[in-house]
C-alpha cells in the first residue's frame, strides 16, 4: 500500500514539474497548421454577412499576409543562419586544415630531431665503447708495464749480483795467482 502511495506522489510531482516548465516553441509547420485550424474555426463560428464577410476576409488576408511576411522573415533568417553556419564550417575546416599542417610540420621537425638525437646517442655509445675498450687496454698496458718494471728490477738485482760475482771471481783469480807465485818461490 505504501509503495502505491509513493508511486502516486512521484507521478503527481512529475506532472507538476512538467506543467511548471514553459512549453517549447512549436515548429513552423505546427504554427501553420494551428493558424489554418483557427481560421477554419473562426469561419465556422461567425455568421457571414456581407459586411462581416468583407471584414472577415480583410482580417484573414491581413493575417495571412502577416503570416507570410513572418514566414519570409523566418526563411531569410534561417537561410542567413545556414550561410553563416556554412561559413563557420568553412572557417573551421580551414582552421583545422592549417592546424593539421602546423602539427605535421612540428611532427616532421620532431622526427628529424629524434633522428639527430639517435645518431648522437649512437656516437656517444660508440665513444663509450671505445673509451671502455681504451680503459681496458690502458688497464692491460698498466699491468704489462708493472710486470715489465718488476722484471727490470729483478734483472737489475741480478746484474748487481753478477757484477759482485765477477768482482769476487776476479779477486779470487788474483789471489789464486798470488798463491801460485808464492808456492813456486817456495818450491825453488
C-alpha atoms as a PDB file:
ATOM      1  CA  UNK A   1       0.000   0.000   0.000  1.00  0.00           C
ATOM      2  CA  UNK A   2       2.809   2.414   0.876  1.00  0.00           C
ATOM      3  CA  UNK A   3       4.587   1.719  -2.407  1.00  0.00           C
ATOM      4  CA  UNK A   4       1.407   2.619  -4.298  1.00  0.00           C
ATOM      5  CA  UNK A   5       1.190   5.834  -2.331  1.00  0.00           C
ATOM      6  CA  UNK A   6       4.807   6.778  -3.079  1.00  0.00           C
ATOM      7  CA  UNK A   7       4.317   5.998  -6.762  1.00  0.00           C
ATOM      8  CA  UNK A   8       1.283   8.268  -6.969  1.00  0.00           C
ATOM      9  CA  UNK A   9       3.248  11.021  -5.183  1.00  0.00           C
ATOM     10  CA  UNK A  10       6.095  10.700  -7.672  1.00  0.00           C
ATOM     11  CA  UNK A  11       3.599  10.768 -10.545  1.00  0.00           C
ATOM     12  CA  UNK A  12       1.992  13.967  -9.267  1.00  0.00           C
ATOM     13  CA  UNK A  13       5.412  15.545  -8.742  1.00  0.00           C
ATOM     14  CA  UNK A  14       6.469  14.724 -12.293  1.00  0.00           C
ATOM     15  CA  UNK A  15       3.155  16.051 -13.638  1.00  0.00           C
ATOM     16  CA  UNK A  16       3.633  19.287 -11.664  1.00  0.00           C
ATOM     17  CA  UNK A  17       7.220  19.600 -12.910  1.00  0.00           C
ATOM     18  CA  UNK A  18       6.011  19.168 -16.485  1.00  0.00           C
ATOM     19  CA  UNK A  19       3.228  21.722 -16.052  1.00  0.00           C
ATOM     20  CA  UNK A  20       5.630  24.215 -14.405  1.00  0.00           C
ATOM     21  CA  UNK A  21       8.087  24.108 -17.270  1.00  0.00           C
ATOM     22  CA  UNK A  22       7.403  26.531 -20.126  1.00  0.00           C
ATOM     23  CA  UNK A  23       6.171  24.945 -23.339  1.00  0.00           C
ATOM     24  CA  UNK A  24       8.738  24.519 -26.071  1.00  0.00           C
ATOM     25  CA  UNK A  25       8.300  26.764 -29.104  1.00  0.00           C
ATOM     26  CA  UNK A  26       6.376  24.998 -31.850  1.00  0.00           C
ATOM     27  CA  UNK A  27       7.916  24.367 -35.214  1.00  0.00           C
ATOM     28  CA  UNK A  28       6.925  26.480 -38.246  1.00  0.00           C
ATOM     29  CA  UNK A  29       4.847  23.590 -39.643  1.00  0.00           C
ATOM     30  CA  UNK A  30       2.911  23.269 -36.375  1.00  0.00           C
ATOM     31  CA  UNK A  31       2.307  27.032 -36.382  1.00  0.00           C
ATOM     32  CA  UNK A  32       0.949  26.879 -39.922  1.00  0.00           C
ATOM     33  CA  UNK A  33      -1.402  24.040 -39.059  1.00  0.00           C
ATOM     34  CA  UNK A  34      -2.651  25.816 -35.935  1.00  0.00           C
ATOM     35  CA  UNK A  35      -3.222  29.015 -37.922  1.00  0.00           C
ATOM     36  CA  UNK A  36      -5.241  27.152 -40.531  1.00  0.00           C
ATOM     37  CA  UNK A  37      -7.350  25.448 -37.832  1.00  0.00           C
ATOM     38  CA  UNK A  38      -8.032  28.754 -36.115  1.00  0.00           C
ATOM     39  CA  UNK A  39      -9.028  30.322 -39.424  1.00  0.00           C
ATOM     40  CA  UNK A  40     -11.484  27.491 -40.148  1.00  0.00           C
ATOM     41  CA  UNK A  41     -12.858  27.637 -36.617  1.00  0.00           C
ATOM     42  CA  UNK A  42     -13.490  31.364 -36.836  1.00  0.00           C
ATOM     43  CA  UNK A  43     -15.112  30.947 -40.229  1.00  0.00           C
ATOM     44  CA  UNK A  44     -17.445  28.253 -38.903  1.00  0.00           C
ATOM     45  CA  UNK A  45     -18.455  30.098 -35.692  1.00  0.00           C
ATOM     46  CA  UNK A  46     -19.081  33.556 -37.213  1.00  0.00           C
ATOM     47  CA  UNK A  47     -22.176  34.034 -39.354  1.00  0.00           C
ATOM     48  CA  UNK A  48     -21.181  35.516 -42.658  1.00  0.00           C
ATOM     49  CA  UNK A  49     -22.933  38.657 -43.667  1.00  0.00           C
ATOM     50  CA  UNK A  50     -21.865  40.981 -46.392  1.00  0.00           C
ATOM     51  CA  UNK A  51     -20.177  43.467 -44.047  1.00  0.00           C
ATOM     52  CA  UNK A  52     -18.845  40.750 -41.811  1.00  0.00           C
ATOM     53  CA  UNK A  53     -17.578  38.693 -44.691  1.00  0.00           C
ATOM     54  CA  UNK A  54     -15.599  41.622 -46.112  1.00  0.00           C
ATOM     55  CA  UNK A  55     -14.114  42.482 -42.711  1.00  0.00           C
ATOM     56  CA  UNK A  56     -13.500  38.830 -42.121  1.00  0.00           C
ATOM     57  CA  UNK A  57     -11.797  38.462 -45.459  1.00  0.00           C
ATOM     58  CA  UNK A  58      -9.759  41.601 -44.725  1.00  0.00           C
ATOM     59  CA  UNK A  59      -8.763  40.176 -41.381  1.00  0.00           C
ATOM     60  CA  UNK A  60      -7.965  36.801 -42.911  1.00  0.00           C
ATOM     61  CA  UNK A  61      -5.937  38.336 -45.721  1.00  0.00           C
ATOM     62  CA  UNK A  62      -4.091  40.606 -43.296  1.00  0.00           C
ATOM     63  CA  UNK A  63      -3.452  37.592 -41.088  1.00  0.00           C
ATOM     64  CA  UNK A  64      -2.258  35.512 -43.997  1.00  0.00           C
ATOM     65  CA  UNK A  65      -0.112  38.342 -45.335  1.00  0.00           C
ATOM     66  CA  UNK A  66       1.336  38.917 -41.849  1.00  0.00           C
ATOM     67  CA  UNK A  67       1.886  35.221 -41.590  1.00  0.00           C
ATOM     68  CA  UNK A  68       3.595  35.030 -44.989  1.00  0.00           C
ATOM     69  CA  UNK A  69       5.723  38.061 -44.089  1.00  0.00           C
ATOM     70  CA  UNK A  70       6.682  36.329 -40.852  1.00  0.00           C
ATOM     71  CA  UNK A  71       7.423  33.102 -42.707  1.00  0.00           C
ATOM     72  CA  UNK A  72       9.540  35.017 -45.229  1.00  0.00           C
ATOM     73  CA  UNK A  73      11.469  36.666 -42.379  1.00  0.00           C
ATOM     74  CA  UNK A  74      11.994  33.289 -40.720  1.00  0.00           C
ATOM     75  CA  UNK A  75      13.101  31.745 -44.011  1.00  0.00           C
ATOM     76  CA  UNK A  76      15.527  34.627 -44.596  1.00  0.00           C
ATOM     77  CA  UNK A  77      16.874  34.282 -41.065  1.00  0.00           C
ATOM     78  CA  UNK A  78      17.251  30.547 -41.414  1.00  0.00           C
ATOM     79  CA  UNK A  79      18.991  30.956 -44.786  1.00  0.00           C
ATOM     80  CA  UNK A  80      21.332  33.544 -43.221  1.00  0.00           C
ATOM     81  CA  UNK A  81      21.970  31.259 -40.310  1.00  0.00           C
ATOM     82  CA  UNK A  82      22.598  28.416 -42.752  1.00  0.00           C
ATOM     83  CA  UNK A  83      25.017  30.567 -44.759  1.00  0.00           C
ATOM     84  CA  UNK A  84      26.784  31.654 -41.570  1.00  0.00           C
ATOM     85  CA  UNK A  85      26.979  28.079 -40.386  1.00  0.00           C
ATOM     86  CA  UNK A  86      28.390  27.099 -43.797  1.00  0.00           C
ATOM     87  CA  UNK A  87      30.906  29.908 -43.481  1.00  0.00           C
ATOM     88  CA  UNK A  88      31.632  28.789 -39.958  1.00  0.00           C
ATOM     89  CA  UNK A  89      32.115  25.242 -41.192  1.00  0.00           C
ATOM     90  CA  UNK A  90      34.400  26.517 -43.923  1.00  0.00           C
ATOM     91  CA  UNK A  91      36.361  28.578 -41.391  1.00  0.00           C
ATOM     92  CA  UNK A  92      36.506  25.621 -39.032  1.00  0.00           C
ATOM     93  CA  UNK A  93      37.662  23.374 -41.873  1.00  0.00           C
ATOM     94  CA  UNK A  94      40.320  25.876 -42.929  1.00  0.00           C
ATOM     95  CA  UNK A  95      41.498  26.367 -39.356  1.00  0.00           C
ATOM     96  CA  UNK A  96      41.576  22.599 -38.804  1.00  0.00           C
ATOM     97  CA  UNK A  97      43.486  22.184 -42.062  1.00  0.00           C
ATOM     98  CA  UNK A  98      46.037  24.837 -41.080  1.00  0.00           C
ATOM     99  CA  UNK A  99      46.286  23.306 -37.614  1.00  0.00           C
ATOM    100  CA  UNK A 100      46.937  19.910 -39.220  1.00  0.00           C
ATOM    101  CA  UNK A 101      49.641  21.422 -41.434  1.00  0.00           C
ATOM    102  CA  UNK A 102      51.288  23.026 -38.399  1.00  0.00           C
ATOM    103  CA  UNK A 103      51.123  19.767 -36.500  1.00  0.00           C
ATOM    104  CA  UNK A 104      52.559  17.867 -39.482  1.00  0.00           C
ATOM    105  CA  UNK A 105      55.465  20.289 -39.726  1.00  0.00           C
ATOM    106  CA  UNK A 106      56.055  20.028 -35.974  1.00  0.00           C
ATOM    107  CA  UNK A 107      55.926  16.251 -36.272  1.00  0.00           C
ATOM    108  CA  UNK A 108      58.490  16.288 -39.090  1.00  0.00           C
ATOM    109  CA  UNK A 109      60.728  18.589 -37.036  1.00  0.00           C
ATOM    110  CA  UNK A 110      60.368  16.303 -34.040  1.00  0.00           C
ATOM    111  CA  UNK A 111      61.186  13.262 -36.187  1.00  0.00           C
ATOM    112  CA  UNK A 112      64.283  14.978 -37.567  1.00  0.00           C
ATOM    113  CA  UNK A 113      65.316  15.986 -34.080  1.00  0.00           C
ATOM    114  CA  UNK A 114      64.711  12.434 -32.888  1.00  0.00           C
ATOM    115  CA  UNK A 115      66.873  11.037 -35.709  1.00  0.00           C
ATOM    116  CA  UNK A 116      69.601  13.549 -34.850  1.00  0.00           C
ATOM    117  CA  UNK A 117      69.456  12.639 -31.182  1.00  0.00           C
ATOM    118  CA  UNK A 118      69.559   8.929 -32.046  1.00  0.00           C
ATOM    119  CA  UNK A 119      72.675   9.424 -34.167  1.00  0.00           C
ATOM    120  CA  UNK A 120      74.304  11.446 -31.376  1.00  0.00           C
ATOM    121  CA  UNK A 121      73.359   8.742 -28.904  1.00  0.00           C
ATOM    122  CA  UNK A 122      74.876   6.051 -31.138  1.00  0.00           C
ATOM    123  CA  UNK A 123      78.068   8.097 -31.487  1.00  0.00           C
ATOM    124  CA  UNK A 124      78.199   8.559 -27.726  1.00  0.00           C
ATOM    125  CA  UNK A 125      77.657   4.825 -27.232  1.00  0.00           C
ATOM    126  CA  UNK A 126      80.473   4.075 -29.698  1.00  0.00           C
ATOM    127  CA  UNK A 127      82.729   6.547 -27.896  1.00  0.00           C
ATOM    128  CA  UNK A 128      81.775   4.899 -24.616  1.00  0.00           C
ATOM    129  CA  UNK A 129      82.652   1.510 -26.081  1.00  0.00           C
ATOM    130  CA  UNK A 130      85.914   2.899 -27.385  1.00  0.00           C
ATOM    131  CA  UNK A 131      86.548   4.515 -24.037  1.00  0.00           C
ATOM    132  CA  UNK A 132      85.748   1.280 -22.240  1.00  0.00           C
ATOM    133  CA  UNK A 133      87.953  -0.546 -24.748  1.00  0.00           C
ATOM    134  CA  UNK A 134      90.635   2.056 -24.227  1.00  0.00           C
ATOM    135  CA  UNK A 135      90.275   1.843 -20.488  1.00  0.00           C
ATOM    136  CA  UNK A 136      90.548  -1.939 -20.651  1.00  0.00           C
ATOM    137  CA  UNK A 137      93.528  -1.533 -22.975  1.00  0.00           C
ATOM    138  CA  UNK A 138      95.031   1.013 -20.606  1.00  0.00           C
ATOM    139  CA  UNK A 139      94.460  -1.355 -17.722  1.00  0.00           C
ATOM    140  CA  UNK A 140      96.172  -4.145 -19.639  1.00  0.00           C
ATOM    141  CA  UNK A 141      99.020  -1.828 -20.570  1.00  0.00           C
ATOM    142  CA  UNK A 142      99.386  -0.796 -16.945  1.00  0.00           C
ATOM    143  CA  UNK A 143      99.567  -4.448 -15.871  1.00  0.00           C
ATOM    144  CA  UNK A 144     102.146  -5.175 -18.550  1.00  0.00           C
ATOM    145  CA  UNK A 145     104.120  -2.108 -17.522  1.00  0.00           C
ATOM    146  CA  UNK A 146     104.088  -3.205 -13.864  1.00  0.00           C
ATOM    147  CA  UNK A 147     105.170  -6.704 -14.895  1.00  0.00           C
ATOM    148  CA  UNK A 148     107.962  -5.281 -17.030  1.00  0.00           C
ATOM    149  CA  UNK A 149     109.058  -2.975 -14.218  1.00  0.00           C
ATOM    150  CA  UNK A 150     109.190  -5.952 -11.842  1.00  0.00           C
ATOM    151  CA  UNK A 151     111.235  -7.904 -14.380  1.00  0.00           C
ATOM    152  CA  UNK A 152     113.501  -4.904 -14.845  1.00  0.00           C
ATOM    153  CA  UNK A 153     114.075  -4.529 -11.131  1.00  0.00           C
ATOM    154  CA  UNK A 154     114.756  -8.288 -10.845  1.00  0.00           C
ATOM    155  CA  UNK A 155     117.223  -8.079 -13.723  1.00  0.00           C
ATOM    156  CA  UNK A 156     118.915  -5.094 -12.135  1.00  0.00           C
ATOM    157  CA  UNK A 157     119.248  -7.095  -8.955  1.00  0.00           C
ATOM    158  CA  UNK A 158     120.675  -9.984 -10.937  1.00  0.00           C
ATOM    159  CA  UNK A 159     123.057  -7.559 -12.688  1.00  0.00           C
ATOM    160  CA  UNK A 160     124.251  -6.310  -9.312  1.00  0.00           C
ATOM    161  CA  UNK A 161     124.765  -9.865  -8.173  1.00  0.00           C
ATOM    162  CA  UNK A 162     126.599 -10.694 -11.412  1.00  0.00           C
ATOM    163  CA  UNK A 163     128.894  -7.701 -11.079  1.00  0.00           C
ATOM    164  CA  UNK A 164     129.587  -8.690  -7.478  1.00  0.00           C
ATOM    165  CA  UNK A 165     130.249 -12.250  -8.576  1.00  0.00           C
ATOM    166  CA  UNK A 166     132.569 -11.061 -11.336  1.00  0.00           C
ATOM    167  CA  UNK A 167     134.435  -8.859  -8.946  1.00  0.00           C
ATOM    168  CA  UNK A 168     134.632 -11.743  -6.433  1.00  0.00           C
ATOM    169  CA  UNK A 169     135.770 -14.074  -9.231  1.00  0.00           C
ATOM    170  CA  UNK A 170     138.432 -11.585 -10.317  1.00  0.00           C
ATOM    171  CA  UNK A 171     139.599 -11.158  -6.740  1.00  0.00           C
ATOM    172  CA  UNK A 172     139.755 -14.917  -6.321  1.00  0.00           C
ATOM    173  CA  UNK A 173     141.746 -15.246  -9.591  1.00  0.00           C
ATOM    174  CA  UNK A 174     144.161 -12.625  -8.376  1.00  0.00           C
ATOM    175  CA  UNK A 175     144.550 -14.353  -5.018  1.00  0.00           C
ATOM    176  CA  UNK A 176     144.993 -17.690  -6.760  1.00  0.00           C
ATOM    177  CA  UNK A 177     147.735 -16.242  -8.988  1.00  0.00           C
ATOM    178  CA  UNK A 178     149.462 -14.761  -5.965  1.00  0.00           C
ATOM    179  CA  UNK A 179     149.316 -18.040  -4.129  1.00  0.00           C
ATOM    180  CA  UNK A 180     150.707 -19.876  -7.165  1.00  0.00           C
ATOM    181  CA  UNK A 181     153.653 -17.461  -7.219  1.00  0.00           C
ATOM    182  CA  UNK A 182     154.262 -17.855  -3.534  1.00  0.00           C
ATOM    183  CA  UNK A 183     154.152 -21.641  -3.844  1.00  0.00           C
ATOM    184  CA  UNK A 184     156.508 -21.582  -6.837  1.00  0.00           C
ATOM    185  CA  UNK A 185     159.032 -19.400  -4.969  1.00  0.00           C
ATOM    186  CA  UNK A 186     158.848 -21.659  -2.010  1.00  0.00           C
ATOM    187  CA  UNK A 187     159.369 -24.747  -4.084  1.00  0.00           C
ATOM    188  CA  UNK A 188     162.530 -23.400  -5.773  1.00  0.00           C
END
